[in-house]
PDB file of all heavy atoms in Angstrom:
ATOM      1  N   SER A   1      -0.566 -12.712  -6.446  1.00  0.00           N
ATOM      2  CA  SER A   1       0.649 -12.552  -5.681  1.00  0.00           C
ATOM      3  C   SER A   1       0.828 -13.743  -4.714  1.00  0.00           C
ATOM      4  O   SER A   1      -0.149 -14.374  -4.304  1.00  0.00           O
ATOM      5  CB  SER A   1       0.611 -11.257  -4.874  1.00  0.00           C
ATOM      6  OG  SER A   1       0.642 -10.159  -5.718  1.00  0.00           O
ATOM      7  N   ILE A   2       2.033 -14.030  -4.360  1.00  0.00           N
ATOM      8  CA  ILE A   2       2.305 -15.109  -3.432  1.00  0.00           C
ATOM      9  C   ILE A   2       2.993 -14.622  -2.171  1.00  0.00           C
ATOM     10  O   ILE A   2       3.381 -15.432  -1.301  1.00  0.00           O
ATOM     11  CB  ILE A   2       3.224 -16.186  -4.115  1.00  0.00           C
ATOM     12  CG1 ILE A   2       4.553 -15.580  -4.585  1.00  0.00           C
ATOM     13  CG2 ILE A   2       2.460 -16.851  -5.283  1.00  0.00           C
ATOM     14  CD1 ILE A   2       5.534 -16.608  -5.124  1.00  0.00           C
ATOM     15  N   SER A   3       3.112 -13.319  -2.034  1.00  0.00           N
ATOM     16  CA  SER A   3       3.722 -12.733  -0.798  1.00  0.00           C
ATOM     17  C   SER A   3       3.172 -11.341  -0.566  1.00  0.00           C
ATOM     18  O   SER A   3       2.586 -10.730  -1.473  1.00  0.00           O
ATOM     19  CB  SER A   3       5.248 -12.687  -0.920  1.00  0.00           C
ATOM     20  OG  SER A   3       5.624 -11.858  -2.031  1.00  0.00           O
ATOM     21  N   TYR A   4       3.360 -10.847   0.633  1.00  0.00           N
ATOM     22  CA  TYR A   4       2.860  -9.502   0.971  1.00  0.00           C
ATOM     23  C   TYR A   4       3.585  -8.421   0.124  1.00  0.00           C
ATOM     24  O   TYR A   4       2.997  -7.465  -0.314  1.00  0.00           O
ATOM     25  CB  TYR A   4       3.076  -9.190   2.437  1.00  0.00           C
ATOM     26  CG  TYR A   4       1.909  -9.603   3.299  1.00  0.00           C
ATOM     27  CD1 TYR A   4       2.017 -10.763   4.118  1.00  0.00           C
ATOM     28  CD2 TYR A   4       0.699  -8.926   3.278  1.00  0.00           C
ATOM     29  CE1 TYR A   4       0.943 -11.161   4.895  1.00  0.00           C
ATOM     30  CE2 TYR A   4      -0.359  -9.326   4.060  1.00  0.00           C
ATOM     31  CZ  TYR A   4      -0.232 -10.440   4.875  1.00  0.00           C
ATOM     32  OH  TYR A   4      -1.281 -10.832   5.656  1.00  0.00           O
ATOM     33  N   ILE A   5       4.890  -8.627  -0.088  1.00  0.00           N
ATOM     34  CA  ILE A   5       5.664  -7.697  -0.930  1.00  0.00           C
ATOM     35  C   ILE A   5       6.247  -8.478  -2.081  1.00  0.00           C
ATOM     36  O   ILE A   5       7.064  -9.377  -1.892  1.00  0.00           O
ATOM     37  CB  ILE A   5       6.788  -6.990  -0.109  1.00  0.00           C
ATOM     38  CG1 ILE A   5       6.144  -6.209   1.050  1.00  0.00           C
ATOM     39  CG2 ILE A   5       7.617  -6.096  -0.983  1.00  0.00           C
ATOM     40  CD1 ILE A   5       7.132  -5.497   1.968  1.00  0.00           C
ATOM     41  N   SER A   6       5.799  -8.155  -3.281  1.00  0.00           N
ATOM     42  CA  SER A   6       6.208  -8.937  -4.455  1.00  0.00           C
ATOM     43  C   SER A   6       7.699  -8.820  -4.722  1.00  0.00           C
ATOM     44  O   SER A   6       8.313  -7.780  -4.506  1.00  0.00           O
ATOM     45  CB  SER A   6       5.434  -8.424  -5.680  1.00  0.00           C
ATOM     46  OG  SER A   6       5.921  -9.008  -6.852  1.00  0.00           O
ATOM     47  N   ASP A   7       8.286  -9.945  -5.166  1.00  0.00           N
ATOM     48  CA  ASP A   7       9.709  -9.924  -5.535  1.00  0.00           C
ATOM     49  C   ASP A   7      10.014  -8.992  -6.678  1.00  0.00           C
ATOM     50  O   ASP A   7      11.106  -8.532  -6.850  1.00  0.00           O
ATOM     51  CB  ASP A   7      10.150 -11.375  -5.903  1.00  0.00           C
ATOM     52  CG  ASP A   7      10.168 -12.312  -4.705  1.00  0.00           C
ATOM     53  OD1 ASP A   7      10.241 -11.803  -3.549  1.00  0.00           O
ATOM     54  OD2 ASP A   7      10.117 -13.523  -4.883  1.00  0.00           O
ATOM     55  N   SER A   8       8.963  -8.713  -7.497  1.00  0.00           N
ATOM     56  CA  SER A   8       9.165  -7.846  -8.663  1.00  0.00           C
ATOM     57  C   SER A   8       9.030  -6.346  -8.348  1.00  0.00           C
ATOM     58  O   SER A   8       9.282  -5.520  -9.191  1.00  0.00           O
ATOM     59  CB  SER A   8       8.197  -8.247  -9.796  1.00  0.00           C
ATOM     60  OG  SER A   8       6.874  -8.058  -9.371  1.00  0.00           O
ATOM     61  N   ALA A   9       8.625  -6.031  -7.093  1.00  0.00           N
ATOM     62  CA  ALA A   9       8.457  -4.660  -6.703  1.00  0.00           C
ATOM     63  C   ALA A   9       9.854  -3.995  -6.593  1.00  0.00           C
ATOM     64  O   ALA A   9      10.826  -4.613  -6.185  1.00  0.00           O
ATOM     65  CB  ALA A   9       7.771  -4.557  -5.375  1.00  0.00           C
ATOM     66  N   LYS A  10       9.901  -2.716  -6.987  1.00  0.00           N
ATOM     67  CA  LYS A  10      11.142  -1.944  -6.895  1.00  0.00           C
ATOM     68  C   LYS A  10      10.986  -0.873  -5.844  1.00  0.00           C
ATOM     69  O   LYS A  10      10.196   0.063  -6.009  1.00  0.00           O
ATOM     70  CB  LYS A  10      11.456  -1.309  -8.270  1.00  0.00           C
ATOM     71  CG  LYS A  10      11.726  -2.365  -9.365  1.00  0.00           C
ATOM     72  CD  LYS A  10      11.990  -1.676 -10.700  1.00  0.00           C
ATOM     73  CE  LYS A  10      12.229  -2.753 -11.778  1.00  0.00           C
ATOM     74  NZ  LYS A  10      12.481  -2.131 -13.107  1.00  0.00           N
ATOM     75  N   ILE A  11      11.684  -1.031  -4.749  1.00  0.00           N
ATOM     76  CA  ILE A  11      11.534  -0.186  -3.592  1.00  0.00           C
ATOM     77  C   ILE A  11      12.825   0.600  -3.368  1.00  0.00           C
ATOM     78  O   ILE A  11      13.907   0.033  -3.302  1.00  0.00           O
ATOM     79  CB  ILE A  11      11.166  -1.018  -2.337  1.00  0.00           C
ATOM     80  CG1 ILE A  11       9.835  -1.740  -2.580  1.00  0.00           C
ATOM     81  CG2 ILE A  11      11.086  -0.131  -1.088  1.00  0.00           C
ATOM     82  CD1 ILE A  11       9.444  -2.717  -1.527  1.00  0.00           C
ATOM     83  N   GLY A  12      12.686   1.946  -3.278  1.00  0.00           N
ATOM     84  CA  GLY A  12      13.853   2.827  -3.206  1.00  0.00           C
ATOM     85  C   GLY A  12      14.534   2.768  -1.833  1.00  0.00           C
ATOM     86  O   GLY A  12      14.185   1.942  -0.944  1.00  0.00           O
ATOM     87  N   GLU A  13      15.467   3.692  -1.628  1.00  0.00           N
ATOM     88  CA  GLU A  13      16.234   3.737  -0.405  1.00  0.00           C
ATOM     89  C   GLU A  13      15.448   4.450   0.708  1.00  0.00           C
ATOM     90  O   GLU A  13      14.647   5.362   0.427  1.00  0.00           O
ATOM     91  CB  GLU A  13      17.558   4.465  -0.627  1.00  0.00           C
ATOM     92  CG  GLU A  13      18.467   3.736  -1.622  1.00  0.00           C
ATOM     93  CD  GLU A  13      19.808   4.475  -1.833  1.00  0.00           C
ATOM     94  OE1 GLU A  13      19.959   5.569  -1.205  1.00  0.00           O
ATOM     95  OE2 GLU A  13      20.614   3.981  -2.570  1.00  0.00           O
ATOM     96  N   ASN A  14      15.671   3.986   1.926  1.00  0.00           N
ATOM     97  CA  ASN A  14      15.067   4.608   3.136  1.00  0.00           C
ATOM     98  C   ASN A  14      13.536   4.590   3.110  1.00  0.00           C
ATOM     99  O   ASN A  14      12.904   5.480   3.686  1.00  0.00           O
ATOM    100  CB  ASN A  14      15.550   6.074   3.312  1.00  0.00           C
ATOM    101  CG  ASN A  14      17.051   6.169   3.361  1.00  0.00           C
ATOM    102  OD1 ASN A  14      17.730   5.397   4.073  1.00  0.00           O
ATOM    103  ND2 ASN A  14      17.622   7.110   2.616  1.00  0.00           N
ATOM    104  N   VAL A  15      12.980   3.631   2.452  1.00  0.00           N
ATOM    105  CA  VAL A  15      11.507   3.461   2.457  1.00  0.00           C
ATOM    106  C   VAL A  15      11.092   2.684   3.718  1.00  0.00           C
ATOM    107  O   VAL A  15      11.694   1.684   4.047  1.00  0.00           O
ATOM    108  CB  VAL A  15      11.022   2.735   1.198  1.00  0.00           C
ATOM    109  CG1 VAL A  15       9.555   2.403   1.293  1.00  0.00           C
ATOM    110  CG2 VAL A  15      11.294   3.596  -0.035  1.00  0.00           C
ATOM    111  N   VAL A  16      10.080   3.186   4.404  1.00  0.00           N
ATOM    112  CA  VAL A  16       9.537   2.516   5.588  1.00  0.00           C
ATOM    113  C   VAL A  16       8.220   1.828   5.191  1.00  0.00           C
ATOM    114  O   VAL A  16       7.304   2.525   4.712  1.00  0.00           O
ATOM    115  CB  VAL A  16       9.298   3.510   6.757  1.00  0.00           C
ATOM    116  CG1 VAL A  16       8.643   2.777   7.919  1.00  0.00           C
ATOM    117  CG2 VAL A  16      10.591   4.123   7.175  1.00  0.00           C
ATOM    118  N   ILE A  17       8.134   0.522   5.362  1.00  0.00           N
ATOM    119  CA  ILE A  17       6.919  -0.231   5.058  1.00  0.00           C
ATOM    120  C   ILE A  17       6.490  -0.894   6.372  1.00  0.00           C
ATOM    121  O   ILE A  17       7.156  -1.801   6.884  1.00  0.00           O
ATOM    122  CB  ILE A  17       7.176  -1.272   3.969  1.00  0.00           C
ATOM    123  CG1 ILE A  17       7.526  -0.535   2.665  1.00  0.00           C
ATOM    124  CG2 ILE A  17       5.918  -2.127   3.758  1.00  0.00           C
ATOM    125  CD1 ILE A  17       7.799  -1.457   1.485  1.00  0.00           C
ATOM    126  N   GLN A  18       5.369  -0.443   6.908  1.00  0.00           N
ATOM    127  CA  GLN A  18       4.887  -0.919   8.199  1.00  0.00           C
ATOM    128  C   GLN A  18       4.228  -2.298   8.036  1.00  0.00           C
ATOM    129  O   GLN A  18       3.898  -2.730   6.938  1.00  0.00           O
ATOM    130  CB  GLN A  18       3.877   0.064   8.754  1.00  0.00           C
ATOM    131  CG  GLN A  18       4.450   1.425   9.085  1.00  0.00           C
ATOM    132  CD  GLN A  18       5.269   1.416  10.403  1.00  0.00           C
ATOM    133  OE1 GLN A  18       6.345   0.803  10.479  1.00  0.00           O
ATOM    134  NE2 GLN A  18       4.753   2.068  11.410  1.00  0.00           N
ATOM    135  N   PRO A  19       4.002  -3.022   9.148  1.00  0.00           N
ATOM    136  CA  PRO A  19       3.431  -4.376   9.080  1.00  0.00           C
ATOM    137  C   PRO A  19       2.045  -4.358   8.429  1.00  0.00           C
ATOM    138  O   PRO A  19       1.256  -3.434   8.563  1.00  0.00           O
ATOM    139  CB  PRO A  19       3.322  -4.788  10.577  1.00  0.00           C
ATOM    140  CG  PRO A  19       4.399  -4.017  11.237  1.00  0.00           C
ATOM    141  CD  PRO A  19       4.452  -2.669  10.529  1.00  0.00           C
ATOM    142  N   GLY A  20       1.795  -5.437   7.669  1.00  0.00           N
ATOM    143  CA  GLY A  20       0.509  -5.617   7.045  1.00  0.00           C
ATOM    144  C   GLY A  20       0.326  -4.989   5.691  1.00  0.00           C
ATOM    145  O   GLY A  20      -0.731  -5.098   5.105  1.00  0.00           O
ATOM    146  N   VAL A  21       1.365  -4.294   5.208  1.00  0.00           N
ATOM    147  CA  VAL A  21       1.260  -3.652   3.890  1.00  0.00           C
ATOM    148  C   VAL A  21       1.335  -4.685   2.784  1.00  0.00           C
ATOM    149  O   VAL A  21       2.135  -5.641   2.847  1.00  0.00           O
ATOM    150  CB  VAL A  21       2.387  -2.633   3.733  1.00  0.00           C
ATOM    151  CG1 VAL A  21       2.460  -2.141   2.288  1.00  0.00           C
ATOM    152  CG2 VAL A  21       2.157  -1.437   4.659  1.00  0.00           C
ATOM    153  N   PHE A  22       0.515  -4.515   1.762  1.00  0.00           N
ATOM    154  CA  PHE A  22       0.601  -5.342   0.550  1.00  0.00           C
ATOM    155  C   PHE A  22       1.146  -4.512  -0.606  1.00  0.00           C
ATOM    156  O   PHE A  22       0.625  -3.434  -0.913  1.00  0.00           O
ATOM    157  CB  PHE A  22      -0.785  -5.902   0.160  1.00  0.00           C
ATOM    158  CG  PHE A  22      -0.782  -6.553  -1.173  1.00  0.00           C
ATOM    159  CD1 PHE A  22      -0.258  -7.822  -1.362  1.00  0.00           C
ATOM    160  CD2 PHE A  22      -1.318  -5.909  -2.286  1.00  0.00           C
ATOM    161  CE1 PHE A  22      -0.206  -8.430  -2.622  1.00  0.00           C
ATOM    162  CE2 PHE A  22      -1.301  -6.497  -3.563  1.00  0.00           C
ATOM    163  CZ  PHE A  22      -0.752  -7.756  -3.712  1.00  0.00           C
ATOM    164  N   VAL A  23       2.223  -5.021  -1.236  1.00  0.00           N
ATOM    165  CA  VAL A  23       2.824  -4.383  -2.399  1.00  0.00           C
ATOM    166  C   VAL A  23       2.787  -5.369  -3.547  1.00  0.00           C
ATOM    167  O   VAL A  23       3.456  -6.424  -3.496  1.00  0.00           O
ATOM    168  CB  VAL A  23       4.263  -3.925  -2.108  1.00  0.00           C
ATOM    169  CG1 VAL A  23       4.889  -3.286  -3.358  1.00  0.00           C
ATOM    170  CG2 VAL A  23       4.294  -2.968  -0.913  1.00  0.00           C
ATOM    171  N   GLY A  24       2.015  -5.050  -4.596  1.00  0.00           N
ATOM    172  CA  GLY A  24       1.771  -5.992  -5.672  1.00  0.00           C
ATOM    173  C   GLY A  24       2.901  -6.092  -6.668  1.00  0.00           C
ATOM    174  O   GLY A  24       3.964  -5.496  -6.561  1.00  0.00           O
ATOM    175  N   ASN A  25       2.670  -6.866  -7.717  1.00  0.00           N
ATOM    176  CA  ASN A  25       3.673  -7.146  -8.752  1.00  0.00           C
ATOM    177  C   ASN A  25       4.043  -5.844  -9.511  1.00  0.00           C
ATOM    178  O   ASN A  25       3.156  -5.058  -9.868  1.00  0.00           O
ATOM    179  CB  ASN A  25       3.119  -8.152  -9.754  1.00  0.00           C
ATOM    180  CG  ASN A  25       2.769  -9.465  -9.094  1.00  0.00           C
ATOM    181  OD1 ASN A  25       3.573 -10.056  -8.385  1.00  0.00           O
ATOM    182  ND2 ASN A  25       1.570  -9.947  -9.300  1.00  0.00           N
ATOM    183  N   ASN A  26       5.308  -5.664  -9.705  1.00  0.00           N
ATOM    184  CA  ASN A  26       5.863  -4.576 -10.518  1.00  0.00           C
ATOM    185  C   ASN A  26       5.578  -3.182 -10.004  1.00  0.00           C
ATOM    186  O   ASN A  26       5.652  -2.188 -10.709  1.00  0.00           O
ATOM    187  CB  ASN A  26       5.338  -4.672 -11.964  1.00  0.00           C
ATOM    188  CG  ASN A  26       5.645  -6.036 -12.575  1.00  0.00           C
ATOM    189  OD1 ASN A  26       6.761  -6.505 -12.528  1.00  0.00           O
ATOM    190  ND2 ASN A  26       4.617  -6.659 -13.096  1.00  0.00           N
ATOM    191  N   VAL A  27       5.213  -3.068  -8.707  1.00  0.00           N
ATOM    192  CA  VAL A  27       5.032  -1.770  -8.088  1.00  0.00           C
ATOM    193  C   VAL A  27       6.390  -1.093  -7.902  1.00  0.00           C
ATOM    194  O   VAL A  27       7.391  -1.740  -7.648  1.00  0.00           O
ATOM    195  CB  VAL A  27       4.336  -1.924  -6.738  1.00  0.00           C
ATOM    196  CG1 VAL A  27       4.397  -0.643  -5.898  1.00  0.00           C
ATOM    197  CG2 VAL A  27       2.886  -2.337  -6.944  1.00  0.00           C
ATOM    198  N   THR A  28       6.418   0.233  -8.043  1.00  0.00           N
ATOM    199  CA  THR A  28       7.627   0.987  -7.725  1.00  0.00           C
ATOM    200  C   THR A  28       7.299   1.976  -6.603  1.00  0.00           C
ATOM    201  O   THR A  28       6.241   2.613  -6.610  1.00  0.00           O
ATOM    202  CB  THR A  28       8.173   1.753  -8.930  1.00  0.00           C
ATOM    203  OG1 THR A  28       7.186   2.697  -9.411  1.00  0.00           O
ATOM    204  CG2 THR A  28       8.528   0.805 -10.077  1.00  0.00           C
ATOM    205  N   ILE A  29       8.220   2.118  -5.633  1.00  0.00           N
ATOM    206  CA  ILE A  29       8.092   3.075  -4.538  1.00  0.00           C
ATOM    207  C   ILE A  29       9.376   3.872  -4.448  1.00  0.00           C
ATOM    208  O   ILE A  29      10.479   3.281  -4.320  1.00  0.00           O
ATOM    209  CB  ILE A  29       7.782   2.374  -3.184  1.00  0.00           C
ATOM    210  CG1 ILE A  29       6.517   1.549  -3.293  1.00  0.00           C
ATOM    211  CG2 ILE A  29       7.668   3.386  -2.064  1.00  0.00           C
ATOM    212  CD1 ILE A  29       6.212   0.704  -2.080  1.00  0.00           C
ATOM    213  N   GLY A  30       9.296   5.203  -4.503  1.00  0.00           N
ATOM    214  CA  GLY A  30      10.502   6.017  -4.498  1.00  0.00           C
ATOM    215  C   GLY A  30      11.123   6.219  -3.150  1.00  0.00           C
ATOM    216  O   GLY A  30      10.570   5.804  -2.100  1.00  0.00           O
ATOM    217  N   ASP A  31      12.289   6.784  -3.121  1.00  0.00           N
ATOM    218  CA  ASP A  31      13.084   6.974  -1.883  1.00  0.00           C
ATOM    219  C   ASP A  31      12.332   7.762  -0.830  1.00  0.00           C
ATOM    220  O   ASP A  31      11.549   8.645  -1.122  1.00  0.00           O
ATOM    221  CB  ASP A  31      14.405   7.749  -2.217  1.00  0.00           C
ATOM    222  CG  ASP A  31      15.302   6.985  -3.173  1.00  0.00           C
ATOM    223  OD1 ASP A  31      15.106   5.770  -3.395  1.00  0.00           O
ATOM    224  OD2 ASP A  31      16.233   7.646  -3.741  1.00  0.00           O
ATOM    225  N   ASN A  32      12.607   7.373   0.429  1.00  0.00           N
ATOM    226  CA  ASN A  32      12.170   8.133   1.601  1.00  0.00           C
ATOM    227  C   ASN A  32      10.629   8.156   1.791  1.00  0.00           C
ATOM    228  O   ASN A  32      10.136   9.024   2.478  1.00  0.00           O
ATOM    229  CB  ASN A  32      12.688   9.579   1.547  1.00  0.00           C
ATOM    230  CG  ASN A  32      14.200   9.656   1.382  1.00  0.00           C
ATOM    231  OD1 ASN A  32      14.936   8.986   2.100  1.00  0.00           O
ATOM    232  ND2 ASN A  32      14.621  10.449   0.379  1.00  0.00           N
ATOM    233  N   SER A  33       9.947   7.228   1.178  1.00  0.00           N
ATOM    234  CA  SER A  33       8.496   7.178   1.352  1.00  0.00           C
ATOM    235  C   SER A  33       8.167   6.343   2.575  1.00  0.00           C
ATOM    236  O   SER A  33       8.917   5.482   3.017  1.00  0.00           O
ATOM    237  CB  SER A  33       7.831   6.586   0.120  1.00  0.00           C
ATOM    238  OG  SER A  33       7.952   7.496  -0.961  1.00  0.00           O
ATOM    239  N   ILE A  34       6.975   6.596   3.184  1.00  0.00           N
ATOM    240  CA  ILE A  34       6.503   5.860   4.351  1.00  0.00           C
ATOM    241  C   ILE A  34       5.127   5.307   4.010  1.00  0.00           C
ATOM    242  O   ILE A  34       4.177   6.048   3.665  1.00  0.00           O
ATOM    243  CB  ILE A  34       6.387   6.784   5.571  1.00  0.00           C
ATOM    244  CG1 ILE A  34       7.758   7.404   5.897  1.00  0.00           C
ATOM    245  CG2 ILE A  34       5.830   6.011   6.779  1.00  0.00           C
ATOM    246  CD1 ILE A  34       7.683   8.401   7.045  1.00  0.00           C
ATOM    247  N   ILE A  35       5.016   3.984   4.108  1.00  0.00           N
ATOM    248  CA  ILE A  35       3.748   3.284   3.842  1.00  0.00           C
ATOM    249  C   ILE A  35       3.268   2.676   5.170  1.00  0.00           C
ATOM    250  O   ILE A  35       3.883   1.756   5.658  1.00  0.00           O
ATOM    251  CB  ILE A  35       3.937   2.210   2.743  1.00  0.00           C
ATOM    252  CG1 ILE A  35       4.761   2.718   1.547  1.00  0.00           C
ATOM    253  CG2 ILE A  35       2.555   1.677   2.312  1.00  0.00           C
ATOM    254  CD1 ILE A  35       4.144   3.876   0.821  1.00  0.00           C
ATOM    255  N   HIS A  36       2.142   3.179   5.687  1.00  0.00           N
ATOM    256  CA  HIS A  36       1.710   2.754   6.993  1.00  0.00           C
ATOM    257  C   HIS A  36       0.905   1.469   6.924  1.00  0.00           C
ATOM    258  O   HIS A  36       0.596   0.963   5.857  1.00  0.00           O
ATOM    259  CB  HIS A  36       0.899   3.870   7.652  1.00  0.00           C
ATOM    260  CG  HIS A  36       1.753   4.974   8.152  1.00  0.00           C
ATOM    261  ND1 HIS A  36       2.423   4.961   9.378  1.00  0.00           N
ATOM    262  CD2 HIS A  36       2.074   6.199   7.655  1.00  0.00           C
ATOM    263  CE1 HIS A  36       3.103   6.047   9.571  1.00  0.00           C
ATOM    264  NE2 HIS A  36       2.924   6.819   8.506  1.00  0.00           N
ATOM    265  N   ALA A  37       0.586   0.919   8.112  1.00  0.00           N
ATOM    266  CA  ALA A  37       0.027  -0.407   8.228  1.00  0.00           C
ATOM    267  C   ALA A  37      -1.235  -0.669   7.374  1.00  0.00           C
ATOM    268  O   ALA A  37      -2.083   0.209   7.283  1.00  0.00           O
ATOM    269  CB  ALA A  37      -0.302  -0.700   9.684  1.00  0.00           C
ATOM    270  N   ASN A  38      -1.247  -1.847   6.773  1.00  0.00           N
ATOM    271  CA  ASN A  38      -2.419  -2.330   6.044  1.00  0.00           C
ATOM    272  C   ASN A  38      -2.758  -1.564   4.784  1.00  0.00           C
ATOM    273  O   ASN A  38      -3.881  -1.704   4.247  1.00  0.00           O
ATOM    274  CB  ASN A  38      -3.656  -2.393   6.975  1.00  0.00           C
ATOM    275  CG  ASN A  38      -3.375  -3.253   8.193  1.00  0.00           C
ATOM    276  OD1 ASN A  38      -2.798  -4.313   8.092  1.00  0.00           O
ATOM    277  ND2 ASN A  38      -3.840  -2.793   9.334  1.00  0.00           N
ATOM    278  N   VAL A  39      -1.880  -0.770   4.260  1.00  0.00           N
ATOM    279  CA  VAL A  39      -2.055  -0.176   2.935  1.00  0.00           C
ATOM    280  C   VAL A  39      -1.933  -1.272   1.901  1.00  0.00           C
ATOM    281  O   VAL A  39      -1.095  -2.202   2.002  1.00  0.00           O
ATOM    282  CB  VAL A  39      -1.009   0.940   2.705  1.00  0.00           C
ATOM    283  CG1 VAL A  39      -0.982   1.357   1.225  1.00  0.00           C
ATOM    284  CG2 VAL A  39      -1.283   2.149   3.591  1.00  0.00           C
ATOM    285  N   ALA A  40      -2.728  -1.194   0.848  1.00  0.00           N
ATOM    286  CA  ALA A  40      -2.649  -2.137  -0.275  1.00  0.00           C
ATOM    287  C   ALA A  40      -2.343  -1.369  -1.559  1.00  0.00           C
ATOM    288  O   ALA A  40      -3.071  -0.429  -1.916  1.00  0.00           O
ATOM    289  CB  ALA A  40      -3.970  -2.894  -0.458  1.00  0.00           C
ATOM    290  N   ILE A  41      -1.218  -1.743  -2.200  1.00  0.00           N
ATOM    291  CA  ILE A  41      -0.815  -1.120  -3.440  1.00  0.00           C
ATOM    292  C   ILE A  41      -0.868  -2.208  -4.530  1.00  0.00           C
ATOM    293  O   ILE A  41      -0.036  -3.133  -4.541  1.00  0.00           O
ATOM    294  CB  ILE A  41       0.588  -0.502  -3.351  1.00  0.00           C
ATOM    295  CG1 ILE A  41       0.646   0.471  -2.186  1.00  0.00           C
ATOM    296  CG2 ILE A  41       0.949   0.191  -4.676  1.00  0.00           C
ATOM    297  CD1 ILE A  41       2.041   1.014  -1.915  1.00  0.00           C
ATOM    298  N   TYR A  42      -1.822  -2.092  -5.424  1.00  0.00           N
ATOM    299  CA  TYR A  42      -2.047  -3.141  -6.436  1.00  0.00           C
ATOM    300  C   TYR A  42      -0.966  -3.100  -7.539  1.00  0.00           C
ATOM    301  O   TYR A  42      -0.192  -2.157  -7.668  1.00  0.00           O
ATOM    302  CB  TYR A  42      -3.419  -2.942  -7.090  1.00  0.00           C
ATOM    303  CG  TYR A  42      -4.583  -3.314  -6.234  1.00  0.00           C
ATOM    304  CD1 TYR A  42      -4.579  -3.243  -4.851  1.00  0.00           C
ATOM    305  CD2 TYR A  42      -5.778  -3.765  -6.867  1.00  0.00           C
ATOM    306  CE1 TYR A  42      -5.695  -3.585  -4.109  1.00  0.00           C
ATOM    307  CE2 TYR A  42      -6.897  -4.090  -6.085  1.00  0.00           C
ATOM    308  CZ  TYR A  42      -6.847  -4.010  -4.719  1.00  0.00           C
ATOM    309  OH  TYR A  42      -7.970  -4.358  -3.951  1.00  0.00           O
ATOM    310  N   ASP A  43      -1.005  -4.159  -8.358  1.00  0.00           N
ATOM    311  CA  ASP A  43       0.042  -4.369  -9.370  1.00  0.00           C
ATOM    312  C   ASP A  43       0.269  -3.149 -10.257  1.00  0.00           C
ATOM    313  O   ASP A  43      -0.647  -2.436 -10.625  1.00  0.00           O
ATOM    314  CB  ASP A  43      -0.385  -5.522 -10.293  1.00  0.00           C
ATOM    315  CG  ASP A  43      -0.391  -6.882  -9.588  1.00  0.00           C
ATOM    316  OD1 ASP A  43      -0.042  -6.930  -8.413  1.00  0.00           O
ATOM    317  OD2 ASP A  43      -0.769  -7.856 -10.249  1.00  0.00           O
ATOM    318  N   ASN A  44       1.566  -2.935 -10.576  1.00  0.00           N
ATOM    319  CA  ASN A  44       2.049  -1.990 -11.584  1.00  0.00           C
ATOM    320  C   ASN A  44       1.873  -0.523 -11.170  1.00  0.00           C
ATOM    321  O   ASN A  44       2.235   0.360 -11.975  1.00  0.00           O
ATOM    322  CB  ASN A  44       1.313  -2.198 -12.929  1.00  0.00           C
ATOM    323  CG  ASN A  44       1.436  -3.627 -13.424  1.00  0.00           C
ATOM    324  OD1 ASN A  44       2.548  -4.148 -13.510  1.00  0.00           O
ATOM    325  ND2 ASN A  44       0.335  -4.252 -13.706  1.00  0.00           N
ATOM    326  N   CYS A  45       1.350  -0.232  -9.972  1.00  0.00           N
ATOM    327  CA  CYS A  45       1.199   1.155  -9.584  1.00  0.00           C
ATOM    328  C   CYS A  45       2.523   1.808  -9.275  1.00  0.00           C
ATOM    329  O   CYS A  45       3.513   1.110  -8.918  1.00  0.00           O
ATOM    330  CB  CYS A  45       0.256   1.271  -8.398  1.00  0.00           C
ATOM    331  SG  CYS A  45      -1.455   0.880  -8.812  1.00  0.00           S
TER     332      CYS A  45
END
């Protein structure tokens, strides 16, 4: 990855992503989810 949140990630509406979170390539996150600080979500999850 070249960024904390990959350009290929698909993030739904009203998602809260706190500072320091890593979201890998091709990750999907559904609506209204909350991802707290320093969580790491690897590719394709």
